[in-house]
Amino acid sequence: MQHISFCKFHGFGNDYIVIEKDQTRTVNSFSGLAIAICNRNTGAGADGIAVIEKLDGVEGDYFCEILNPDGSIAGFSGNGTRCAAAYLYYKGLWSDPHLRLLTKSGIKNYRFLENIGDGRYRFEAEIGKPKFASGEMPFRSNERLESVVDREVKLESGAFLICGVNVGNPVACIFGDDFDFDWRSIGKELEVHEAFPERANIVFVKVVDRENIEIQIWERGAGETSSSGTCTSGAAVLSAFTGRTGRKVSVHTKGGTTEVLWRDDDEILITGRADLAFCGEWLV
């Protein structure tokens, strides 16, 4: 039997299995691999896989493709790419303090901040500029909207006001005063709602003050997750865009706190950790 070497890292509990593409020559389907290896009962268990490939340094230093546990391809993952960056430093494949990862949604610039020890790393990352228009999110509407703010989406259980943004992946936020309702069922329904032609990450947001928000996450293709780079950045940007907070926000999730800065030049900057869980081999 062939085997694939991998390491599993997590960003505040949001876990990704990182694999070098050279290890996958015998793999017929990355989607099938993601479904099998991410399974919590019969696989290694993860919220997705990150497949990395060395580039020539012109477009980027490495290419990183993210797949969800249902086998679908993600345009981007803040935690997934951070886990990929941590893998490169952990394995000694990269040592420069700056790293350019090419993703499906463009170049993401990582800056190494700290080796905490025991396979734990901190990074700062420029992940791009937010897109607010309905066609860019995308959000299905009878008219082209310059921004998706407080748009009503109806479910059998009721109607919800949605604010949306694309931060590499589509993120739809619902603002409220608490999480004392069945947000998981609502998130599951909204993820695949016809209003979101490419599905969406559904984030429930509670604003604490001008510098802090708390969120619960229903992630596209993964379900409930303890953290998410795109969901935290999308929630922070939309909180600022709608005037609820400033541009520098601490986003608190079940897994931990991610610092998000939406700079005046429109670039989103996120700071967070990636911690090693374990390394192993997968038989194919």
C-alpha atoms as a PDB file:
ATOM      1  CA  MET A   1       0.000   0.000   0.000  1.00  0.00           C
ATOM      2  CA  GLN A   2       1.054   3.597  -0.635  1.00  0.00           C
ATOM      3  CA  HIS A   3       1.110   6.102   2.187  1.00  0.00           C
ATOM      4  CA  ILE A   4       0.788   9.880   2.473  1.00  0.00           C
ATOM      5  CA  SER A   5       2.699  11.692   5.199  1.00  0.00           C
ATOM      6  CA  PHE A   6       0.796  14.566   6.807  1.00  0.00           C
ATOM      7  CA  CYS A   7       0.677  16.831   9.839  1.00  0.00           C
ATOM      8  CA  LYS A   8      -2.446  18.166  11.479  1.00  0.00           C
ATOM      9  CA  PHE A   9      -2.395  21.719  12.822  1.00  0.00           C
ATOM     10  CA  HIS A  10      -5.209  23.780  14.278  1.00  0.00           C
ATOM     11  CA  GLY A  11      -5.966  27.463  14.575  1.00  0.00           C
ATOM     12  CA  PHE A  12      -7.940  27.859  17.813  1.00  0.00           C
ATOM     13  CA  GLY A  13      -9.441  24.392  17.352  1.00  0.00           C
ATOM     14  CA  ASN A  14     -10.194  24.849  13.637  1.00  0.00           C
ATOM     15  CA  ASP A  15      -8.058  21.930  12.391  1.00  0.00           C
ATOM     16  CA  TYR A  16      -6.475  21.255   9.016  1.00  0.00           C
ATOM     17  CA  ILE A  17      -4.447  18.368   7.675  1.00  0.00           C
ATOM     18  CA  VAL A  18      -1.477  19.664   5.684  1.00  0.00           C
ATOM     19  CA  ILE A  19      -0.126  17.522   2.844  1.00  0.00           C
ATOM     20  CA  GLU A  20       2.672  18.165   0.352  1.00  0.00           C
ATOM     21  CA  LYS A  21       1.412  17.652  -3.196  1.00  0.00           C
ATOM     22  CA  ASP A  22       4.399  15.442  -4.008  1.00  0.00           C
ATOM     23  CA  GLN A  23       2.890  12.941  -1.568  1.00  0.00           C
ATOM     24  CA  THR A  24      -0.324  12.633  -3.588  1.00  0.00           C
ATOM     25  CA  ARG A  25       0.885  11.188  -6.911  1.00  0.00           C
ATOM     26  CA  THR A  26      -1.232   8.061  -6.441  1.00  0.00           C
ATOM     27  CA  VAL A  27      -4.339   9.988  -5.366  1.00  0.00           C
ATOM     28  CA  ASN A  28      -7.064   9.992  -8.034  1.00  0.00           C
ATOM     29  CA  SER A  29      -9.297  12.526  -6.326  1.00  0.00           C
ATOM     30  CA  PHE A  30      -8.407  15.232  -3.808  1.00  0.00           C
ATOM     31  CA  SER A  31     -12.119  15.471  -3.014  1.00  0.00           C
ATOM     32  CA  GLY A  32     -12.242  11.789  -2.137  1.00  0.00           C
ATOM     33  CA  LEU A  33      -9.097  12.130  -0.051  1.00  0.00           C
ATOM     34  CA  ALA A  34     -10.555  15.092   1.857  1.00  0.00           C
ATOM     35  CA  ILE A  35     -13.811  13.250   2.607  1.00  0.00           C
ATOM     36  CA  ALA A  36     -11.966  10.156   3.835  1.00  0.00           C
ATOM     37  CA  ILE A  37      -9.134  11.682   5.874  1.00  0.00           C
ATOM     38  CA  CYS A  38     -11.302  14.417   7.470  1.00  0.00           C
ATOM     39  CA  ASN A  39     -13.855  11.946   8.819  1.00  0.00           C
ATOM     40  CA  ARG A  40     -13.925  12.226  12.628  1.00  0.00           C
ATOM     41  CA  ASN A  41     -14.709   8.521  13.128  1.00  0.00           C
ATOM     42  CA  THR A  42     -12.860   6.636  10.397  1.00  0.00           C
ATOM     43  CA  GLY A  43     -10.185   9.163   9.393  1.00  0.00           C
ATOM     44  CA  ALA A  44      -7.688  11.488  11.040  1.00  0.00           C
ATOM     45  CA  GLY A  45     -10.447  14.064  11.590  1.00  0.00           C
ATOM     46  CA  ALA A  46     -10.275  17.669  10.423  1.00  0.00           C
ATOM     47  CA  ASP A  47     -12.216  20.699   9.225  1.00  0.00           C
ATOM     48  CA  GLY A  48     -10.366  20.478   5.906  1.00  0.00           C
ATOM     49  CA  ILE A  49      -7.105  19.708   4.145  1.00  0.00           C
ATOM     50  CA  ALA A  50      -4.430  22.054   2.840  1.00  0.00           C
ATOM     51  CA  VAL A  51      -2.404  20.737  -0.109  1.00  0.00           C
ATOM     52  CA  ILE A  52       0.820  22.692  -0.614  1.00  0.00           C
ATOM     53  CA  GLU A  53       3.120  22.840  -3.634  1.00  0.00           C
ATOM     54  CA  LYS A  54       6.452  24.655  -4.061  1.00  0.00           C
ATOM     55  CA  LEU A  55       6.406  27.410  -6.705  1.00  0.00           C
ATOM     56  CA  ASP A  56       9.171  29.200  -8.590  1.00  0.00           C
ATOM     57  CA  GLY A  57       8.891  32.318  -6.420  1.00  0.00           C
ATOM     58  CA  VAL A  58       7.472  34.522  -9.180  1.00  0.00           C
ATOM     59  CA  GLU A  59       3.749  34.198  -8.471  1.00  0.00           C
ATOM     60  CA  GLY A  60       4.294  33.061  -4.910  1.00  0.00           C
ATOM     61  CA  ASP A  61       6.498  30.874  -2.737  1.00  0.00           C
ATOM     62  CA  TYR A  62       3.970  28.050  -2.375  1.00  0.00           C
ATOM     63  CA  PHE A  63       0.537  27.238  -3.744  1.00  0.00           C
ATOM     64  CA  CYS A  64      -2.020  26.208  -1.129  1.00  0.00           C
ATOM     65  CA  GLU A  65      -5.310  24.573  -2.074  1.00  0.00           C
ATOM     66  CA  ILE A  66      -7.961  24.138   0.606  1.00  0.00           C
ATOM     67  CA  LEU A  67     -10.620  21.420   0.490  1.00  0.00           C
ATOM     68  CA  ASN A  68     -13.549  21.162   2.882  1.00  0.00           C
ATOM     69  CA  PRO A  69     -14.435  17.903   4.667  1.00  0.00           C
ATOM     70  CA  ASP A  70     -17.308  17.387   2.220  1.00  0.00           C
ATOM     71  CA  GLY A  71     -14.805  17.352  -0.663  1.00  0.00           C
ATOM     72  CA  SER A  72     -15.648  20.811  -2.016  1.00  0.00           C
ATOM     73  CA  ILE A  73     -12.911  23.311  -2.850  1.00  0.00           C
ATOM     74  CA  ALA A  74     -12.665  26.441  -0.716  1.00  0.00           C
ATOM     75  CA  GLY A  75     -11.532  29.698  -2.267  1.00  0.00           C
ATOM     76  CA  PHE A  76      -9.560  30.464   0.864  1.00  0.00           C
ATOM     77  CA  SER A  77      -9.195  29.631   4.542  1.00  0.00           C
ATOM     78  CA  GLY A  78      -7.494  31.958   7.001  1.00  0.00           C
ATOM     79  CA  ASN A  79      -6.819  29.195   9.508  1.00  0.00           C
ATOM     80  CA  GLY A  80      -6.104  26.591   6.819  1.00  0.00           C
ATOM     81  CA  THR A  81      -3.406  28.693   5.172  1.00  0.00           C
ATOM     82  CA  ARG A  82      -1.983  29.619   8.593  1.00  0.00           C
ATOM     83  CA  CYS A  83      -1.726  25.890   9.343  1.00  0.00           C
ATOM     84  CA  ALA A  84       0.026  25.420   6.001  1.00  0.00           C
ATOM     85  CA  ALA A  85       2.479  28.206   6.867  1.00  0.00           C
ATOM     86  CA  ALA A  86       3.164  26.603  10.253  1.00  0.00           C
ATOM     87  CA  TYR A  87       3.831  23.265   8.548  1.00  0.00           C
ATOM     88  CA  LEU A  88       6.461  24.845   6.296  1.00  0.00           C
ATOM     89  CA  TYR A  89       8.336  26.316   9.265  1.00  0.00           C
ATOM     90  CA  TYR A  90       7.916  23.184  11.379  1.00  0.00           C
ATOM     91  CA  LYS A  91       9.339  20.969   8.617  1.00  0.00           C
ATOM     92  CA  GLY A  92      12.170  23.396   7.867  1.00  0.00           C
ATOM     93  CA  LEU A  93      10.934  23.943   4.317  1.00  0.00           C
ATOM     94  CA  TRP A  94      10.795  27.725   4.797  1.00  0.00           C
ATOM     95  CA  SER A  95      12.742  30.002   7.131  1.00  0.00           C
ATOM     96  CA  ASP A  96      12.363  33.509   5.714  1.00  0.00           C
ATOM     97  CA  PRO A  97      10.160  35.701   7.972  1.00  0.00           C
ATOM     98  CA  HIS A  98       7.940  36.530   4.963  1.00  0.00           C
ATOM     99  CA  LEU A  99       5.938  33.934   3.044  1.00  0.00           C
ATOM    100  CA  ARG A 100       3.695  34.376   0.007  1.00  0.00           C
ATOM    101  CA  LEU A 101       0.995  31.750  -0.361  1.00  0.00           C
ATOM    102  CA  LEU A 102      -0.858  31.622  -3.670  1.00  0.00           C
ATOM    103  CA  THR A 103      -4.484  30.549  -3.160  1.00  0.00           C
ATOM    104  CA  LYS A 104      -7.603  30.248  -5.300  1.00  0.00           C
ATOM    105  CA  SER A 105      -8.457  33.802  -4.210  1.00  0.00           C
ATOM    106  CA  GLY A 106      -5.013  35.308  -4.811  1.00  0.00           C
ATOM    107  CA  ILE A 107      -1.769  35.924  -2.926  1.00  0.00           C
ATOM    108  CA  LYS A 108      -1.820  35.991   0.887  1.00  0.00           C
ATOM    109  CA  ASN A 109       1.208  37.518   2.587  1.00  0.00           C
ATOM    110  CA  TYR A 110       2.299  35.941   5.859  1.00  0.00           C
ATOM    111  CA  ARG A 111       4.749  37.362   8.367  1.00  0.00           C
ATOM    112  CA  PHE A 112       6.269  35.042  10.943  1.00  0.00           C
ATOM    113  CA  LEU A 113       5.904  36.518  14.432  1.00  0.00           C
ATOM    114  CA  GLU A 114       6.871  33.874  16.962  1.00  0.00           C
ATOM    115  CA  ASN A 115       7.820  30.251  17.511  1.00  0.00           C
ATOM    116  CA  ILE A 116       6.092  29.578  20.825  1.00  0.00           C
ATOM    117  CA  GLY A 117       7.569  26.075  20.992  1.00  0.00           C
ATOM    118  CA  ASP A 118       6.229  22.520  20.675  1.00  0.00           C
ATOM    119  CA  GLY A 119       5.017  23.158  17.134  1.00  0.00           C
ATOM    120  CA  ARG A 120       3.088  26.340  17.958  1.00  0.00           C
ATOM    121  CA  TYR A 121       3.498  29.470  15.833  1.00  0.00           C
ATOM    122  CA  ARG A 122       2.059  32.977  15.531  1.00  0.00           C
ATOM    123  CA  PHE A 123       1.613  34.763  12.222  1.00  0.00           C
ATOM    124  CA  GLU A 124       0.339  38.037  10.860  1.00  0.00           C
ATOM    125  CA  ALA A 125      -1.308  37.805   7.459  1.00  0.00           C
ATOM    126  CA  GLU A 126      -2.540  40.180   4.777  1.00  0.00           C
ATOM    127  CA  ILE A 127      -5.478  38.308   3.297  1.00  0.00           C
ATOM    128  CA  GLY A 128      -6.809  40.805   0.755  1.00  0.00           C
ATOM    129  CA  LYS A 129      -9.506  43.424   0.402  1.00  0.00           C
ATOM    130  CA  PRO A 130     -13.196  42.848   1.167  1.00  0.00           C
ATOM    131  CA  LYS A 131     -15.782  42.816  -1.612  1.00  0.00           C
ATOM    132  CA  PHE A 132     -19.221  44.091  -0.689  1.00  0.00           C
ATOM    133  CA  ALA A 133     -21.231  44.159  -3.941  1.00  0.00           C
ATOM    134  CA  SER A 134     -23.935  41.527  -4.375  1.00  0.00           C
ATOM    135  CA  GLY A 135     -22.306  40.183  -7.543  1.00  0.00           C
ATOM    136  CA  GLU A 136     -18.965  39.761  -5.792  1.00  0.00           C
ATOM    137  CA  MET A 137     -20.196  38.125  -2.610  1.00  0.00           C
ATOM    138  CA  PRO A 138     -22.234  36.599  -4.373  1.00  0.00           C
ATOM    139  CA  PHE A 139     -25.772  37.300  -3.151  1.00  0.00           C
ATOM    140  CA  ARG A 140     -28.804  36.724  -5.397  1.00  0.00           C
ATOM    141  CA  SER A 141     -30.864  39.896  -5.738  1.00  0.00           C
ATOM    142  CA  ASN A 142     -33.294  41.422  -8.244  1.00  0.00           C
ATOM    143  CA  GLU A 143     -30.944  44.380  -8.528  1.00  0.00           C
ATOM    144  CA  ARG A 144     -27.215  44.918  -8.309  1.00  0.00           C
ATOM    145  CA  LEU A 145     -26.395  46.050  -4.796  1.00  0.00           C
ATOM    146  CA  GLU A 146     -23.289  48.069  -3.974  1.00  0.00           C
ATOM    147  CA  SER A 147     -23.339  46.389  -0.565  1.00  0.00           C
ATOM    148  CA  VAL A 148     -25.323  43.588   1.053  1.00  0.00           C
ATOM    149  CA  VAL A 149     -26.526  45.181   4.298  1.00  0.00           C
ATOM    150  CA  ASP A 150     -29.678  44.214   6.198  1.00  0.00           C
ATOM    151  CA  ARG A 151     -31.133  42.206   3.314  1.00  0.00           C
ATOM    152  CA  GLU A 152     -33.987  39.942   4.339  1.00  0.00           C
ATOM    153  CA  VAL A 153     -33.634  36.204   3.762  1.00  0.00           C
ATOM    154  CA  LYS A 154     -36.651  34.048   4.558  1.00  0.00           C
ATOM    155  CA  LEU A 155     -36.603  30.572   6.058  1.00  0.00           C
ATOM    156  CA  GLU A 156     -39.480  28.407   7.278  1.00  0.00           C
ATOM    157  CA  SER A 157     -38.497  29.352  10.821  1.00  0.00           C
ATOM    158  CA  GLY A 158     -38.617  33.075  10.100  1.00  0.00           C
ATOM    159  CA  ALA A 159     -36.915  35.953   8.306  1.00  0.00           C
ATOM    160  CA  PHE A 160     -33.358  37.104   9.015  1.00  0.00           C
ATOM    161  CA  LEU A 161     -31.484  40.278   8.144  1.00  0.00           C
ATOM    162  CA  ILE A 162     -28.205  39.439   6.434  1.00  0.00           C
ATOM    163  CA  CYS A 163     -25.045  41.491   5.997  1.00  0.00           C
ATOM    164  CA  GLY A 164     -22.596  39.996   3.520  1.00  0.00           C
ATOM    165  CA  VAL A 165     -19.018  40.274   2.307  1.00  0.00           C
ATOM    166  CA  ASN A 166     -16.506  38.251   0.335  1.00  0.00           C
ATOM    167  CA  VAL A 167     -13.128  37.917   2.073  1.00  0.00           C
ATOM    168  CA  GLY A 168     -11.849  35.085  -0.106  1.00  0.00           C
ATOM    169  CA  ASN A 169     -15.007  33.159   0.753  1.00  0.00           C
ATOM    170  CA  PRO A 170     -18.582  34.465   1.023  1.00  0.00           C
ATOM    171  CA  VAL A 171     -19.511  35.375   4.604  1.00  0.00           C
ATOM    172  CA  ALA A 172     -23.062  36.221   5.701  1.00  0.00           C
ATOM    173  CA  CYS A 173     -23.500  37.725   9.176  1.00  0.00           C
ATOM    174  CA  ILE A 174     -26.540  37.979  11.407  1.00  0.00           C
ATOM    175  CA  PHE A 175     -26.165  40.499  14.248  1.00  0.00           C
ATOM    176  CA  GLY A 176     -27.954  39.882  17.544  1.00  0.00           C
ATOM    177  CA  ASP A 177     -27.854  40.376  21.290  1.00  0.00           C
ATOM    178  CA  ASP A 178     -27.152  36.745  22.268  1.00  0.00           C
ATOM    179  CA  PHE A 179     -26.874  33.171  21.026  1.00  0.00           C
ATOM    180  CA  ASP A 180     -29.831  31.774  22.975  1.00  0.00           C
ATOM    181  CA  PHE A 181     -31.532  30.233  19.942  1.00  0.00           C
ATOM    182  CA  ASP A 182     -30.965  27.312  17.598  1.00  0.00           C
ATOM    183  CA  TRP A 183     -28.345  29.072  15.476  1.00  0.00           C
ATOM    184  CA  ARG A 184     -26.917  25.760  14.217  1.00  0.00           C
ATOM    185  CA  SER A 185     -30.176  24.801  12.477  1.00  0.00           C
ATOM    186  CA  ILE A 186     -30.497  28.309  11.055  1.00  0.00           C
ATOM    187  CA  GLY A 187     -26.889  28.266   9.864  1.00  0.00           C
ATOM    188  CA  LYS A 188     -27.364  24.882   8.202  1.00  0.00           C
ATOM    189  CA  GLU A 189     -30.413  26.156   6.310  1.00  0.00           C
ATOM    190  CA  LEU A 190     -28.870  29.467   5.347  1.00  0.00           C
ATOM    191  CA  GLU A 191     -25.614  27.926   4.074  1.00  0.00           C
ATOM    192  CA  VAL A 192     -27.442  26.343   1.139  1.00  0.00           C
ATOM    193  CA  HIS A 193     -30.174  28.982   0.696  1.00  0.00           C
ATOM    194  CA  GLU A 194     -30.877  30.063  -2.873  1.00  0.00           C
ATOM    195  CA  ALA A 195     -29.845  33.607  -1.906  1.00  0.00           C
ATOM    196  CA  PHE A 196     -26.251  32.324  -1.857  1.00  0.00           C
ATOM    197  CA  PRO A 197     -25.531  30.732  -5.258  1.00  0.00           C
ATOM    198  CA  GLU A 198     -22.078  29.543  -4.107  1.00  0.00           C
ATOM    199  CA  ARG A 199     -23.271  28.722  -0.563  1.00  0.00           C
ATOM    200  CA  ALA A 200     -21.982  30.873   2.293  1.00  0.00           C
ATOM    201  CA  ASN A 201     -20.315  30.848   5.668  1.00  0.00           C
ATOM    202  CA  ILE A 202     -22.971  31.853   8.190  1.00  0.00           C
ATOM    203  CA  VAL A 203     -21.763  33.850  11.196  1.00  0.00           C
ATOM    204  CA  PHE A 204     -23.832  34.960  14.182  1.00  0.00           C
ATOM    205  CA  VAL A 205     -22.365  38.104  15.734  1.00  0.00           C
ATOM    206  CA  LYS A 206     -22.746  39.696  19.150  1.00  0.00           C
ATOM    207  CA  VAL A 207     -21.082  43.100  19.465  1.00  0.00           C
ATOM    208  CA  VAL A 208     -19.576  43.545  22.943  1.00  0.00           C
ATOM    209  CA  ASP A 209     -18.117  47.026  22.448  1.00  0.00           C
ATOM    210  CA  ARG A 210     -16.257  49.067  19.811  1.00  0.00           C
ATOM    211  CA  GLU A 211     -13.207  46.778  19.987  1.00  0.00           C
ATOM    212  CA  ASN A 212     -14.685  43.333  20.711  1.00  0.00           C
ATOM    213  CA  ILE A 213     -17.203  40.979  19.151  1.00  0.00           C
ATOM    214  CA  GLU A 214     -18.240  37.389  19.890  1.00  0.00           C
ATOM    215  CA  ILE A 215     -19.253  35.016  17.108  1.00  0.00           C
ATOM    216  CA  GLN A 216     -20.689  31.557  16.471  1.00  0.00           C
ATOM    217  CA  ILE A 217     -19.764  29.923  13.174  1.00  0.00           C
ATOM    218  CA  TRP A 218     -21.536  27.661  10.720  1.00  0.00           C
ATOM    219  CA  GLU A 219     -18.881  27.131   8.056  1.00  0.00           C
ATOM    220  CA  ARG A 220     -19.596  26.329   4.443  1.00  0.00           C
ATOM    221  CA  GLY A 221     -18.785  22.676   3.771  1.00  0.00           C
ATOM    222  CA  ALA A 222     -17.754  21.985   7.380  1.00  0.00           C
ATOM    223  CA  GLY A 223     -20.652  22.866   9.683  1.00  0.00           C
ATOM    224  CA  GLU A 224     -20.037  24.191  13.193  1.00  0.00           C
ATOM    225  CA  THR A 225     -16.390  25.146  13.799  1.00  0.00           C
ATOM    226  CA  SER A 226     -14.645  26.592  16.838  1.00  0.00           C
ATOM    227  CA  SER A 227     -12.905  29.251  14.743  1.00  0.00           C
ATOM    228  CA  SER A 228     -12.397  30.375  11.139  1.00  0.00           C
ATOM    229  CA  GLY A 229     -10.068  32.968   9.661  1.00  0.00           C
ATOM    230  CA  THR A 230     -12.458  34.063   6.935  1.00  0.00           C
ATOM    231  CA  CYS A 231     -15.454  34.099   9.276  1.00  0.00           C
ATOM    232  CA  THR A 232     -13.642  36.138  11.928  1.00  0.00           C
ATOM    233  CA  SER A 233     -12.326  38.627   9.372  1.00  0.00           C
ATOM    234  CA  GLY A 234     -15.695  38.869   7.608  1.00  0.00           C
ATOM    235  CA  ALA A 235     -17.501  39.471  10.905  1.00  0.00           C
ATOM    236  CA  ALA A 236     -14.956  42.118  11.949  1.00  0.00           C
ATOM    237  CA  VAL A 237     -15.114  43.937   8.617  1.00  0.00           C
ATOM    238  CA  LEU A 238     -18.922  43.935   8.546  1.00  0.00           C
ATOM    239  CA  SER A 239     -19.062  45.161  12.158  1.00  0.00           C
ATOM    240  CA  ALA A 240     -16.893  48.111  11.162  1.00  0.00           C
ATOM    241  CA  PHE A 241     -18.623  48.647   7.805  1.00  0.00           C
ATOM    242  CA  THR A 242     -22.029  48.937   9.494  1.00  0.00           C
ATOM    243  CA  GLY A 243     -20.683  51.313  12.166  1.00  0.00           C
ATOM    244  CA  ARG A 244     -20.951  48.919  15.094  1.00  0.00           C
ATOM    245  CA  THR A 245     -17.205  48.863  15.827  1.00  0.00           C
ATOM    246  CA  GLY A 246     -13.948  50.448  14.810  1.00  0.00           C
ATOM    247  CA  ARG A 247     -11.600  48.948  12.249  1.00  0.00           C
ATOM    248  CA  LYS A 248      -9.467  47.118  14.818  1.00  0.00           C
ATOM    249  CA  VAL A 249     -11.440  44.309  16.425  1.00  0.00           C
ATOM    250  CA  SER A 250     -10.748  41.344  18.695  1.00  0.00           C
ATOM    251  CA  VAL A 251     -12.954  38.479  17.514  1.00  0.00           C
ATOM    252  CA  HIS A 252     -13.774  35.975  20.265  1.00  0.00           C
ATOM    253  CA  THR A 253     -14.733  32.416  19.315  1.00  0.00           C
ATOM    254  CA  LYS A 254     -15.028  29.149  21.226  1.00  0.00           C
ATOM    255  CA  GLY A 255     -11.463  28.304  20.227  1.00  0.00           C
ATOM    256  CA  GLY A 256      -9.767  31.605  20.997  1.00  0.00           C
ATOM    257  CA  THR A 257      -9.330  35.207  19.954  1.00  0.00           C
ATOM    258  CA  THR A 258      -8.207  36.444  16.544  1.00  0.00           C
ATOM    259  CA  GLU A 259      -7.078  40.032  16.076  1.00  0.00           C
ATOM    260  CA  VAL A 260      -8.395  41.686  12.915  1.00  0.00           C
ATOM    261  CA  LEU A 261      -7.381  45.053  11.500  1.00  0.00           C
ATOM    262  CA  TRP A 262      -9.169  46.445   8.462  1.00  0.00           C
ATOM    263  CA  ARG A 263      -6.561  48.964   7.371  1.00  0.00           C
ATOM    264  CA  ASP A 264      -7.262  52.337   5.805  1.00  0.00           C
ATOM    265  CA  ASP A 265      -5.816  51.037   2.501  1.00  0.00           C
ATOM    266  CA  ASP A 266      -8.662  48.435   2.564  1.00  0.00           C
ATOM    267  CA  GLU A 267      -6.343  45.485   3.270  1.00  0.00           C
ATOM    268  CA  ILE A 268      -7.443  43.006   5.954  1.00  0.00           C
ATOM    269  CA  LEU A 269      -4.775  41.986   8.458  1.00  0.00           C
ATOM    270  CA  ILE A 270      -5.337  39.035  10.807  1.00  0.00           C
ATOM    271  CA  THR A 271      -3.086  37.803  13.617  1.00  0.00           C
ATOM    272  CA  GLY A 272      -3.409  34.338  15.089  1.00  0.00           C
ATOM    273  CA  ARG A 273      -1.813  31.033  16.006  1.00  0.00           C
ATOM    274  CA  ALA A 274      -1.369  27.623  14.428  1.00  0.00           C
ATOM    275  CA  ASP A 275      -0.565  24.713  16.759  1.00  0.00           C
ATOM    276  CA  LEU A 276       0.640  21.236  15.873  1.00  0.00           C
ATOM    277  CA  ALA A 277      -1.756  18.430  16.837  1.00  0.00           C
ATOM    278  CA  PHE A 278       0.114  15.417  15.429  1.00  0.00           C
ATOM    279  CA  CYS A 279       1.808  13.968  12.338  1.00  0.00           C
ATOM    280  CA  GLY A 280       1.048  10.640  10.752  1.00  0.00           C
ATOM    281  CA  GLU A 281       0.649   8.562   7.609  1.00  0.00           C
ATOM    282  CA  TRP A 282      -2.495   7.866   5.602  1.00  0.00           C
ATOM    283  CA  LEU A 283      -2.710   4.626   3.635  1.00  0.00           C
ATOM    284  CA  VAL A 284      -4.088   4.759   0.080  1.00  0.00           C
END
